[in-house]
Amino acid sequence: MPSSASPPLAPLPDPDARTLLVSLTGPDRPGVTSTVFEAAASVGANVLDVEQVVVRGHLALSVLLGPGRDENVLTDRLTRAGESMGMNVSLVAGHGDNAPRRTGRAAVVVMASPLSTAHVAAVSRAVAEHGANIDRIRRLSRWPVTTVELDVSGADVAGLRRALALVSSEAGCDIAVAPAGLARRGGRLVVMDVDSTLVQDEVIELIAAHAGTEAEVAAVTERAMQGELDFAESLHARVATLEGLPVTVLDDVREAVRLTPGARTLVRTLKALGFTVALVSGGFAEVVEPIGTDLGVDHVRANRLEVRDGRLTGRVVGDVVDRAGKAAALREFAALEGLPLARTVAIGDGANDLDMLGAAGLGVAFNAKPVVREQADTSVNVPYLDTVLFLLGVSREEIEDAETAEPREP
């Protein structure tokens, strides 16, 4: 009868043990990796570390080996194996494994269109000046923007975020800094503003166009989003201009609303990842709720217009979803989902989003007003909402995979 005992644990690595670093570079082709490892297997070598990358058909493979029974035979067989495939081979003998990675791991995402060498130089210089080290770099997207993610160690996340915010402003690229490791994985709550974020329009201006007050309302909206006016007071003033409109104009407005490019892709991908998605709007539930239903979001919070005898009264019902109300909704939704605020993401463009962006684990200013860009954790300044996924470490290939994936069960 077979034993149910667990197998013995492997011994701790010997820091003085002989190791061999194998590096191969050259044109990629099928069978390179198998040929190298079969050569190493012939002398019983052990794999201690391995990294491989292919860029435009050029392969770079690095393997750290415990040399097995005969180091001289191993080096000879690896050299011949590499040369037989037209690869450049470098073999460096030494002792011990890699040095342990330092604590303070962070994920730094850099995004621009185009992403220039000057952008990467400025970011890497700031990381070094911060006393941190770049351990790995990978590309997340080439289109519609070029995005790279840097795996950094030895960083104080808050301090590095401040340093790179200055680089972002000066160099003209979008940069996000987040804790790496387990903090980068698992479920999240993503809360979005609606007007000028999820959709391209300001809904109240679309309604006001039916009352002939669009220009007046647009001017007040702009000042409110810049933070020059109290949002609740400005909302009441704008809604008052809608008095007397038939409620049927809301049907026309719903038809006129345009989703921001990438909005549907963003929500579909988040849902495929098993994330919770919420909409929190200073606009109106009569328009926002149907949008949320169409996209399959989990929670919606918005103002509601008062209607009597089939006409708008020029008032809203209940408390206004203002700057404080948006942050309160984020906290409420996080509690309902059993998620800490550190696992929340907020996306918005106006001053009334600032409390929500500040409360979230990651606050993203999307094509936002200057006051919002200055205070948010990071900014996105391209007109594609799905680029926010890159800030979360999701690659373009994974986004494309999500297009055919079934949403995860909760």
Protein backbone atom coordinates (compact mmCIF):
# COMPACT_ATOMS: atom_id res chain seq x y z
CA MET A 1 0.00 0.00 0.00
CA PRO A 2 1.57 3.35 -1.00
CA SER A 3 2.70 5.66 1.77
CA SER A 4 0.73 8.86 2.34
CA ALA A 5 3.71 10.60 3.90
CA SER A 6 4.79 13.86 2.34
CA PRO A 7 8.05 13.81 0.36
CA PRO A 8 11.05 15.28 2.18
CA LEU A 9 11.70 18.97 1.69
CA ALA A 10 14.60 19.96 -0.54
CA PRO A 11 17.65 21.19 1.36
CA LEU A 12 18.31 24.91 1.59
CA PRO A 13 20.56 26.24 -1.20
CA ASP A 14 24.26 26.10 -0.42
CA PRO A 15 25.66 29.64 -0.91
CA ASP A 16 29.09 28.14 -1.75
CA ALA A 17 27.85 25.58 -4.28
CA ARG A 18 29.20 25.82 -7.83
CA THR A 19 26.79 27.31 -10.37
CA LEU A 20 26.95 28.05 -14.07
CA LEU A 21 25.24 31.00 -15.76
CA VAL A 22 24.33 30.15 -19.35
CA SER A 23 23.33 32.98 -21.73
CA LEU A 24 22.30 32.39 -25.33
CA THR A 25 21.32 35.05 -27.85
CA GLY A 26 20.44 34.78 -31.50
CA PRO A 27 17.64 34.19 -34.00
CA ASP A 28 14.60 32.49 -32.51
CA ARG A 29 13.60 29.12 -33.87
CA PRO A 30 11.64 26.09 -32.65
CA GLY A 31 13.63 23.77 -30.41
CA VAL A 32 16.20 26.19 -28.97
CA THR A 33 15.00 25.82 -25.38
CA SER A 34 14.61 22.04 -25.57
CA THR A 35 18.08 21.61 -27.09
CA VAL A 36 19.71 23.61 -24.31
CA PHE A 37 17.92 21.80 -21.51
CA GLU A 38 18.51 18.37 -23.06
CA ALA A 39 22.23 19.12 -23.14
CA ALA A 40 22.12 20.13 -19.47
CA ALA A 41 20.04 17.08 -18.56
CA SER A 42 22.72 14.76 -19.94
CA VAL A 43 24.91 15.51 -16.90
CA GLY A 44 22.10 15.83 -14.34
CA ALA A 45 22.26 19.64 -14.00
CA ASN A 46 19.61 21.39 -11.87
CA VAL A 47 17.68 24.53 -12.86
CA LEU A 48 18.07 27.36 -10.34
CA ASP A 49 16.68 30.22 -12.42
CA VAL A 50 15.63 30.84 -16.01
CA GLU A 51 14.42 33.77 -18.11
CA GLN A 52 13.64 33.89 -21.82
CA VAL A 53 12.36 36.66 -24.06
CA VAL A 54 11.86 37.08 -27.80
CA VAL A 55 11.90 40.55 -29.36
CA ARG A 56 11.31 40.84 -33.13
CA GLY A 57 12.52 37.31 -33.72
CA HIS A 58 15.65 37.67 -31.58
CA LEU A 59 15.84 35.31 -28.59
CA ALA A 60 17.68 35.87 -25.31
CA LEU A 61 17.80 32.93 -22.87
CA SER A 62 19.53 32.97 -19.49
CA VAL A 63 19.71 29.87 -17.27
CA LEU A 64 21.39 29.50 -13.90
CA LEU A 65 22.36 25.86 -13.37
CA GLY A 66 23.76 23.64 -10.69
CA PRO A 67 26.36 21.97 -12.95
CA GLY A 68 25.54 18.37 -12.11
CA ARG A 69 28.04 15.52 -12.38
CA ASP A 70 30.71 17.12 -14.57
CA GLU A 71 30.99 20.86 -15.13
CA ASN A 72 33.54 20.53 -17.93
CA VAL A 73 31.30 18.14 -19.88
CA LEU A 74 28.33 20.45 -19.27
CA THR A 75 30.11 23.53 -20.61
CA ASP A 76 31.31 21.62 -23.66
CA ARG A 77 27.85 20.25 -24.50
CA LEU A 78 26.12 23.59 -23.98
CA THR A 79 28.66 25.34 -26.19
CA ARG A 80 28.22 22.84 -28.98
CA ALA A 81 24.43 22.86 -28.63
CA GLY A 82 24.27 26.65 -28.89
CA GLU A 83 26.71 26.90 -31.78
CA SER A 84 24.87 24.18 -33.70
CA MET A 85 21.84 26.50 -33.75
CA GLY A 86 23.77 29.61 -34.70
CA MET A 87 23.44 31.12 -31.22
CA ASN A 88 25.96 33.22 -29.32
CA VAL A 89 26.83 31.38 -26.09
CA SER A 90 28.23 32.85 -22.86
CA LEU A 91 29.13 30.62 -19.89
CA VAL A 92 30.11 32.14 -16.54
CA ALA A 93 31.04 29.84 -13.64
CA GLY A 94 30.55 31.03 -10.08
CA HIS A 95 29.13 30.21 -6.67
CA GLY A 96 25.65 30.39 -5.16
CA ASP A 97 22.23 31.45 -6.37
CA ASN A 98 20.98 34.95 -7.21
CA ALA A 99 21.12 37.51 -4.45
CA PRO A 100 17.71 37.72 -2.74
CA ARG A 101 15.51 40.47 -4.11
CA ARG A 102 15.20 43.45 -1.88
CA THR A 103 11.94 44.30 -0.17
CA GLY A 104 9.82 47.21 -1.34
CA ARG A 105 8.66 45.69 -4.61
CA ALA A 106 6.67 47.94 -6.92
CA ALA A 107 5.14 47.78 -10.37
CA VAL A 108 5.86 50.89 -12.43
CA VAL A 109 3.79 51.24 -15.61
CA VAL A 110 4.90 53.77 -18.24
CA MET A 111 2.57 54.64 -21.12
CA ALA A 112 2.82 57.03 -24.05
CA SER A 113 2.08 57.33 -27.76
CA PRO A 114 4.78 57.17 -28.90
CA LEU A 115 6.88 55.93 -25.97
CA SER A 116 10.25 57.56 -26.54
CA THR A 117 13.66 56.47 -25.33
CA ALA A 118 13.76 59.75 -23.41
CA HIS A 119 10.65 58.67 -21.46
CA VAL A 120 12.25 55.37 -20.43
CA ALA A 121 15.54 57.08 -19.63
CA ALA A 122 13.83 59.62 -17.36
CA VAL A 123 11.86 56.94 -15.52
CA SER A 124 14.82 54.60 -15.05
CA ARG A 125 16.98 57.50 -13.85
CA ALA A 126 14.36 58.48 -11.27
CA VAL A 127 14.11 54.87 -10.06
CA ALA A 128 17.91 54.71 -9.61
CA GLU A 129 18.01 58.08 -7.83
CA HIS A 130 15.32 56.76 -5.50
CA GLY A 131 17.73 53.94 -4.55
CA ALA A 132 15.60 51.24 -6.19
CA ASN A 133 16.50 48.66 -8.83
CA ILE A 134 14.73 47.57 -12.01
CA ASP A 135 14.65 43.77 -11.98
CA ARG A 136 12.54 43.08 -15.07
CA ILE A 137 10.79 44.97 -17.86
CA ARG A 138 8.00 43.69 -20.09
CA ARG A 139 5.84 45.25 -22.76
CA LEU A 140 2.11 45.34 -22.03
CA SER A 141 0.89 46.96 -25.24
CA ARG A 142 2.00 48.35 -28.54
CA TRP A 143 -1.39 49.78 -29.58
CA PRO A 144 -3.18 52.17 -29.15
CA VAL A 145 -0.37 53.26 -26.86
CA THR A 146 2.98 51.68 -26.05
CA THR A 147 3.08 50.50 -22.44
CA VAL A 148 5.90 48.88 -20.47
CA GLU A 149 5.85 47.57 -16.92
CA LEU A 150 8.95 47.73 -14.72
CA ASP A 151 9.32 45.27 -11.85
CA VAL A 152 11.17 47.33 -9.23
CA SER A 153 12.64 46.34 -5.87
CA GLY A 154 14.04 48.39 -3.01
CA ALA A 155 11.36 51.07 -3.40
CA ASP A 156 9.23 53.07 -1.05
CA VAL A 157 6.02 53.02 -3.09
CA ALA A 158 4.68 56.35 -1.84
CA GLY A 159 8.03 58.09 -2.29
CA LEU A 160 8.62 56.60 -5.74
CA ARG A 161 5.11 57.59 -6.79
CA ARG A 162 5.84 61.22 -5.85
CA ALA A 163 9.15 61.20 -7.69
CA LEU A 164 7.67 59.70 -10.85
CA ALA A 165 4.69 62.08 -10.77
CA LEU A 166 7.20 64.86 -11.44
CA VAL A 167 8.76 62.82 -14.26
CA SER A 168 5.31 62.25 -15.76
CA SER A 169 4.60 65.97 -15.80
CA GLU A 170 7.98 66.97 -17.20
CA ALA A 171 8.46 64.16 -19.71
CA GLY A 172 4.86 64.00 -20.95
CA CYS A 173 4.11 60.33 -20.34
CA ASP A 174 1.61 58.57 -18.08
CA ILE A 175 3.12 56.69 -15.11
CA ALA A 176 1.47 54.54 -12.45
CA VAL A 177 3.20 53.10 -9.38
CA ALA A 178 1.59 50.33 -7.35
CA PRO A 179 2.73 47.71 -4.82
CA ALA A 180 3.81 44.50 -6.56
CA GLY A 181 3.45 40.87 -5.49
CA LEU A 182 0.17 39.69 -4.02
CA ALA A 183 -1.10 43.27 -3.87
CA ARG A 184 -1.16 43.21 -7.68
CA ARG A 185 -3.36 40.11 -7.86
CA GLY A 186 -6.84 39.05 -6.80
CA GLY A 187 -10.23 40.70 -7.00
CA ARG A 188 -10.76 44.43 -7.24
CA LEU A 189 -13.55 46.95 -7.27
CA VAL A 190 -13.33 49.47 -10.12
CA VAL A 191 -15.54 52.56 -9.73
CA MET A 192 -15.99 54.97 -12.62
CA ASP A 193 -17.41 58.41 -13.05
CA VAL A 194 -19.79 58.57 -16.02
CA ASP A 195 -19.95 62.00 -17.69
CA SER A 196 -16.75 62.71 -19.68
CA THR A 197 -15.29 59.43 -18.39
CA LEU A 198 -17.39 56.39 -19.26
CA VAL A 199 -19.27 58.47 -21.82
CA GLN A 200 -18.01 61.31 -23.97
CA ASP A 201 -20.86 63.65 -23.10
CA GLU A 202 -22.12 65.70 -20.16
CA VAL A 203 -25.64 64.27 -19.89
CA ILE A 204 -27.14 67.35 -18.30
CA GLU A 205 -26.02 69.38 -21.31
CA LEU A 206 -27.75 66.94 -23.64
CA ILE A 207 -30.96 67.39 -21.65
CA ALA A 208 -30.50 71.16 -21.49
CA ALA A 209 -30.27 71.28 -25.29
CA HIS A 210 -33.97 70.36 -25.34
CA ALA A 211 -34.72 73.34 -23.08
CA GLY A 212 -32.55 75.79 -25.00
CA THR A 213 -30.25 76.31 -22.00
CA GLU A 214 -27.28 74.21 -23.16
CA ALA A 215 -24.75 77.06 -23.29
CA GLU A 216 -25.73 78.32 -19.84
CA VAL A 217 -25.56 74.84 -18.33
CA ALA A 218 -22.25 73.99 -20.06
CA ALA A 219 -20.59 77.10 -18.61
CA VAL A 220 -21.68 76.17 -15.07
CA THR A 221 -20.65 72.53 -15.58
CA GLU A 222 -17.17 73.55 -16.66
CA ARG A 223 -16.67 75.74 -13.58
CA ALA A 224 -17.96 72.97 -11.30
CA MET A 225 -15.59 70.39 -12.84
CA GLN A 226 -12.67 72.80 -12.41
CA GLY A 227 -13.55 73.04 -8.72
CA GLU A 228 -14.59 76.68 -8.88
CA LEU A 229 -18.20 76.04 -7.74
CA ASP A 230 -19.80 73.85 -5.10
CA PHE A 231 -21.07 70.84 -7.04
CA ALA A 232 -24.40 70.43 -5.24
CA GLU A 233 -25.29 74.11 -5.63
CA SER A 234 -24.28 74.07 -9.29
CA LEU A 235 -26.34 70.92 -9.92
CA HIS A 236 -29.47 72.45 -8.42
CA ALA A 237 -28.96 75.59 -10.53
CA ARG A 238 -28.50 73.58 -13.73
CA VAL A 239 -31.41 71.23 -13.08
CA ALA A 240 -33.68 74.22 -12.42
CA THR A 241 -33.27 75.20 -16.09
CA LEU A 242 -34.89 71.88 -17.10
CA GLU A 243 -38.24 72.65 -15.48
CA GLY A 244 -41.18 71.82 -17.65
CA LEU A 245 -39.43 69.48 -20.08
CA PRO A 246 -41.44 66.36 -20.91
CA VAL A 247 -39.87 63.27 -19.36
CA THR A 248 -39.80 61.70 -22.82
CA VAL A 249 -36.74 63.83 -23.68
CA LEU A 250 -34.74 61.39 -21.53
CA ASP A 251 -35.42 58.69 -24.13
CA ASP A 252 -33.80 60.92 -26.76
CA VAL A 253 -30.86 61.63 -24.47
CA ARG A 254 -30.26 57.95 -23.82
CA GLU A 255 -30.09 57.39 -27.57
CA ALA A 256 -27.67 60.31 -28.02
CA VAL A 257 -25.14 59.34 -25.33
CA ARG A 258 -21.81 58.11 -26.77
CA LEU A 259 -19.61 55.68 -24.90
CA THR A 260 -15.96 56.68 -24.63
CA PRO A 261 -13.74 54.62 -26.98
CA GLY A 262 -12.60 51.53 -25.10
CA ALA A 263 -15.34 51.73 -22.45
CA ARG A 264 -17.04 48.50 -23.48
CA THR A 265 -13.67 46.73 -23.74
CA LEU A 266 -12.68 47.96 -20.30
CA VAL A 267 -15.82 46.68 -18.60
CA ARG A 268 -15.82 43.38 -20.51
CA THR A 269 -12.19 42.70 -19.53
CA LEU A 270 -12.72 43.65 -15.89
CA LYS A 271 -15.69 41.29 -15.71
CA ALA A 272 -13.69 38.50 -17.37
CA LEU A 273 -11.07 38.99 -14.65
CA GLY A 274 -13.76 38.56 -12.01
CA PHE A 275 -13.60 42.18 -10.88
CA THR A 276 -16.57 44.19 -9.58
CA VAL A 277 -17.49 47.26 -11.64
CA ALA A 278 -19.51 50.24 -10.41
CA LEU A 279 -20.69 53.54 -11.85
CA VAL A 280 -20.92 56.57 -9.56
CA SER A 281 -22.28 59.69 -11.21
CA GLY A 282 -23.25 63.22 -10.43
CA GLY A 283 -25.58 62.79 -13.40
CA PHE A 284 -28.91 61.05 -13.50
CA ALA A 285 -30.00 57.50 -12.80
CA GLU A 286 -32.58 57.68 -15.59
CA VAL A 287 -29.67 57.65 -18.07
CA VAL A 288 -26.89 55.96 -16.09
CA GLU A 289 -28.82 52.87 -15.02
CA PRO A 290 -29.65 51.73 -18.57
CA ILE A 291 -26.00 52.20 -19.53
CA GLY A 292 -24.96 50.11 -16.54
CA THR A 293 -27.45 47.38 -17.44
CA ASP A 294 -26.21 47.29 -21.02
CA LEU A 295 -22.57 46.97 -19.93
CA GLY A 296 -23.29 44.50 -17.12
CA VAL A 297 -21.89 46.58 -14.25
CA ASP A 298 -22.58 45.51 -10.68
CA HIS A 299 -23.50 48.76 -8.88
CA VAL A 300 -24.85 52.17 -9.92
CA ARG A 301 -25.21 55.34 -7.84
CA ALA A 302 -26.55 58.55 -9.40
CA ASN A 303 -28.98 61.42 -8.84
CA ARG A 304 -32.64 61.08 -9.77
CA LEU A 305 -34.76 63.77 -11.41
CA GLU A 306 -38.13 64.67 -9.94
CA VAL A 307 -41.05 64.14 -12.31
CA ARG A 308 -44.68 65.28 -11.95
CA ASP A 309 -47.45 64.83 -14.48
CA GLY A 310 -44.95 63.58 -17.04
CA ARG A 311 -42.69 66.64 -16.81
CA LEU A 312 -39.42 67.49 -15.05
CA THR A 313 -39.92 69.79 -12.07
CA GLY A 314 -36.42 71.25 -12.14
CA ARG A 315 -35.47 69.47 -8.91
CA VAL A 316 -33.65 66.29 -7.90
CA VAL A 317 -34.98 63.66 -5.51
CA GLY A 318 -33.06 62.95 -2.31
CA ASP A 319 -29.46 63.76 -1.44
CA VAL A 320 -27.19 64.90 -4.24
CA VAL A 321 -24.40 62.52 -5.28
CA ASP A 322 -21.66 65.09 -4.93
CA ARG A 323 -17.94 64.91 -4.19
CA ALA A 324 -18.45 63.41 -0.73
CA GLY A 325 -21.28 61.21 -1.97
CA LYS A 326 -19.06 59.60 -4.60
CA ALA A 327 -16.42 58.68 -2.03
CA ALA A 328 -19.11 57.33 0.29
CA ALA A 329 -20.48 55.16 -2.54
CA LEU A 330 -17.02 53.72 -3.22
CA ARG A 331 -16.62 52.79 0.44
CA GLU A 332 -20.11 51.30 0.55
CA PHE A 333 -19.56 49.16 -2.55
CA ALA A 334 -16.19 47.97 -1.25
CA ALA A 335 -17.80 46.90 2.03
CA LEU A 336 -20.57 45.06 0.15
CA GLU A 337 -17.95 43.16 -1.86
CA GLY A 338 -15.78 42.45 1.19
CA LEU A 339 -12.81 44.30 -0.32
CA PRO A 340 -10.40 46.65 1.48
CA LEU A 341 -10.03 50.11 0.01
CA ALA A 342 -6.49 49.15 -1.04
CA ARG A 343 -8.09 46.87 -3.64
CA THR A 344 -10.25 49.59 -5.18
CA VAL A 345 -9.65 51.67 -8.30
CA ALA A 346 -11.44 54.94 -9.02
CA ILE A 347 -11.52 56.68 -12.40
CA GLY A 348 -12.75 60.24 -12.95
CA ASP A 349 -12.12 63.57 -14.61
CA GLY A 350 -13.65 66.36 -12.50
CA ALA A 351 -13.13 68.05 -9.15
CA ASN A 352 -16.19 66.27 -7.77
CA ASP A 353 -14.25 62.99 -8.25
CA LEU A 354 -11.32 64.02 -6.05
CA ASP A 355 -12.58 62.50 -2.78
CA MET A 356 -13.36 59.23 -4.56
CA LEU A 357 -9.93 59.17 -6.23
CA GLY A 358 -8.27 59.89 -2.90
CA ALA A 359 -10.17 57.16 -1.05
CA ALA A 360 -9.35 54.45 -3.61
CA GLY A 361 -6.24 52.33 -3.56
CA LEU A 362 -5.47 53.70 -7.03
CA GLY A 363 -6.99 56.96 -8.25
CA VAL A 364 -6.84 57.50 -12.02
CA ALA A 365 -7.45 60.90 -13.60
CA PHE A 366 -8.83 60.23 -17.09
CA ASN A 367 -8.32 63.14 -19.51
CA ALA A 368 -8.97 65.20 -16.43
CA LYS A 369 -8.99 68.83 -15.39
CA PRO A 370 -5.59 70.14 -14.18
CA VAL A 371 -6.65 70.19 -10.52
CA VAL A 372 -7.53 66.50 -10.77
CA ARG A 373 -4.34 65.46 -12.58
CA GLU A 374 -2.29 67.18 -9.90
CA GLN A 375 -3.91 65.25 -7.05
CA ALA A 376 -4.63 61.80 -8.53
CA ASP A 377 -2.23 58.87 -8.14
CA THR A 378 -1.83 58.66 -11.91
CA SER A 379 -3.26 60.10 -15.12
CA VAL A 380 -4.33 58.78 -18.50
CA ASN A 381 -4.19 61.40 -21.22
CA VAL A 382 -5.21 59.41 -24.30
CA PRO A 383 -8.84 59.09 -25.45
CA TYR A 384 -9.11 55.33 -24.87
CA LEU A 385 -10.66 54.22 -21.60
CA ASP A 386 -9.42 50.63 -21.86
CA THR A 387 -5.82 51.85 -21.48
CA VAL A 388 -6.58 51.96 -17.75
CA LEU A 389 -6.20 48.16 -17.92
CA PHE A 390 -2.50 48.57 -18.66
CA LEU A 391 -2.08 50.48 -15.40
CA LEU A 392 -3.42 47.36 -13.65
CA GLY A 393 -0.81 45.16 -15.34
CA VAL A 394 -3.19 43.67 -17.94
CA SER A 395 -1.53 43.20 -21.34
CA ARG A 396 -3.06 43.81 -24.76
CA GLU A 397 -2.95 40.04 -25.43
CA GLU A 398 -4.93 39.37 -22.25
CA ILE A 399 -7.49 42.00 -23.25
CA GLU A 400 -7.93 40.32 -26.61
CA ASP A 401 -8.31 36.94 -24.87
CA ALA A 402 -11.05 38.41 -22.68
CA GLU A 403 -13.09 39.27 -25.78
CA THR A 404 -13.96 35.58 -26.14
CA ALA A 405 -13.81 34.57 -22.48
CA GLU A 406 -16.87 33.87 -20.37
CA PRO A 407 -17.19 36.09 -17.24
CA ARG A 408 -16.00 34.36 -14.10
CA GLU A 409 -18.51 33.15 -11.58
CA PRO A 410 -18.54 35.34 -8.44
